[in-house]
Structure formats: structure tokens, C-alpha cells
């Protein structure tokens, strides 16, 4: 039986997971930025978080 040497692919797998982690962090940062930037508008209209964002999602 021939064994397969996976050593050359390990850096590719590590790079994939690093890029996936970076993309995940950027996605979370974008959502946090959206929520924080619209807080003043939401509070001025006296809407809850759920009501405000439900209105935004239905308007698209």
C-alpha cells in the first residue's frame, strides 16, 4: 500500500483557515459598524432594534 504525503498541502490548508478567519472578522465588523452607525437614528425614532431592522429588511 502506498502512503500519501500530505506535508506539501499543510501550508495551503493553514492559509485557507487564516483567510476564512479574517473574512469572518471583517463580516462581524461590518455588522457591528452598521448597528452602531444607525443607533442614533433608531433612538431618535424611538424604535426597538428588532422593529428598526425589520423595517430595513422589508424595504429592500
C-alpha atoms as a PDB file:
ATOM      1  CA  UNK A   1       0.000   0.000   0.000  1.00  0.00           C
ATOM      2  CA  UNK A   2       1.314   3.429  -0.901  1.00  0.00           C
ATOM      3  CA  UNK A   3       1.056   6.160   1.689  1.00  0.00           C
ATOM      4  CA  UNK A   4       0.169   9.681   0.665  1.00  0.00           C
ATOM      5  CA  UNK A   5       2.400  12.500   1.861  1.00  0.00           C
ATOM      6  CA  UNK A   6       0.186  15.448   2.868  1.00  0.00           C
ATOM      7  CA  UNK A   7       3.067  17.655   4.031  1.00  0.00           C
ATOM      8  CA  UNK A   8       3.041  19.958   0.950  1.00  0.00           C
ATOM      9  CA  UNK A   9      -0.654  20.774   1.350  1.00  0.00           C
ATOM     10  CA  UNK A  10      -0.466  21.824   5.027  1.00  0.00           C
ATOM     11  CA  UNK A  11       0.517  25.469   4.259  1.00  0.00           C
ATOM     12  CA  UNK A  12      -2.415  25.721   1.832  1.00  0.00           C
ATOM     13  CA  UNK A  13      -4.838  24.452   4.479  1.00  0.00           C
ATOM     14  CA  UNK A  14      -3.424  26.860   7.069  1.00  0.00           C
ATOM     15  CA  UNK A  15      -3.684  29.779   4.628  1.00  0.00           C
ATOM     16  CA  UNK A  16      -7.287  28.838   3.860  1.00  0.00           C
ATOM     17  CA  UNK A  17      -8.272  28.877   7.527  1.00  0.00           C
ATOM     18  CA  UNK A  18      -6.420  32.145   8.160  1.00  0.00           C
ATOM     19  CA  UNK A  19      -8.235  33.801   5.251  1.00  0.00           C
ATOM     20  CA  UNK A  20     -11.554  32.349   6.432  1.00  0.00           C
ATOM     21  CA  UNK A  21     -10.949  33.767   9.923  1.00  0.00           C
ATOM     22  CA  UNK A  22     -10.070  37.191   8.502  1.00  0.00           C
ATOM     23  CA  UNK A  23     -13.190  37.178   6.318  1.00  0.00           C
ATOM     24  CA  UNK A  24     -15.308  36.221   9.331  1.00  0.00           C
ATOM     25  CA  UNK A  25     -13.873  39.027  11.426  1.00  0.00           C
ATOM     26  CA  UNK A  26     -14.465  41.539   8.634  1.00  0.00           C
ATOM     27  CA  UNK A  27     -18.074  40.391   8.303  1.00  0.00           C
ATOM     28  CA  UNK A  28     -18.668  40.789  12.045  1.00  0.00           C
ATOM     29  CA  UNK A  29     -17.013  44.220  11.964  1.00  0.00           C
ATOM     30  CA  UNK A  30     -19.294  45.302   9.107  1.00  0.00           C
ATOM     31  CA  UNK A  31     -22.417  44.250  11.017  1.00  0.00           C
ATOM     32  CA  UNK A  32     -21.234  45.995  14.192  1.00  0.00           C
ATOM     33  CA  UNK A  33     -20.471  49.141  12.190  1.00  0.00           C
ATOM     34  CA  UNK A  34     -23.972  49.094  10.684  1.00  0.00           C
ATOM     35  CA  UNK A  35     -25.629  48.669  14.081  1.00  0.00           C
ATOM     36  CA  UNK A  36     -23.513  51.350  15.766  1.00  0.00           C
ATOM     37  CA  UNK A  37     -23.861  53.874  12.947  1.00  0.00           C
ATOM     38  CA  UNK A  38     -27.650  53.596  12.840  1.00  0.00           C
ATOM     39  CA  UNK A  39     -28.119  53.749  16.624  1.00  0.00           C
ATOM     40  CA  UNK A  40     -28.671  57.499  16.749  1.00  0.00           C
ATOM     41  CA  UNK A  41     -31.342  57.336  14.023  1.00  0.00           C
ATOM     42  CA  UNK A  42     -33.036  54.375  15.686  1.00  0.00           C
ATOM     43  CA  UNK A  43     -33.125  56.100  19.073  1.00  0.00           C
ATOM     44  CA  UNK A  44     -34.435  59.333  17.554  1.00  0.00           C
ATOM     45  CA  UNK A  45     -37.368  57.453  16.046  1.00  0.00           C
ATOM     46  CA  UNK A  46     -37.878  55.550  19.338  1.00  0.00           C
ATOM     47  CA  UNK A  47     -37.837  52.122  17.728  1.00  0.00           C
ATOM     48  CA  UNK A  48     -36.524  48.897  19.159  1.00  0.00           C
ATOM     49  CA  UNK A  49     -33.624  47.143  17.455  1.00  0.00           C
ATOM     50  CA  UNK A  50     -35.974  44.454  16.121  1.00  0.00           C
ATOM     51  CA  UNK A  51     -38.507  46.916  14.719  1.00  0.00           C
ATOM     52  CA  UNK A  52     -35.886  49.163  13.120  1.00  0.00           C
ATOM     53  CA  UNK A  53     -34.017  46.416  11.315  1.00  0.00           C
ATOM     54  CA  UNK A  54     -37.199  44.590  10.320  1.00  0.00           C
ATOM     55  CA  UNK A  55     -38.286  47.769   8.549  1.00  0.00           C
ATOM     56  CA  UNK A  56     -34.933  47.972   6.781  1.00  0.00           C
ATOM     57  CA  UNK A  57     -35.063  44.370   5.637  1.00  0.00           C
ATOM     58  CA  UNK A  58     -38.612  44.713   4.338  1.00  0.00           C
ATOM     59  CA  UNK A  59     -37.751  47.865   2.392  1.00  0.00           C
ATOM     60  CA  UNK A  60     -35.268  46.040   0.129  1.00  0.00           C
END
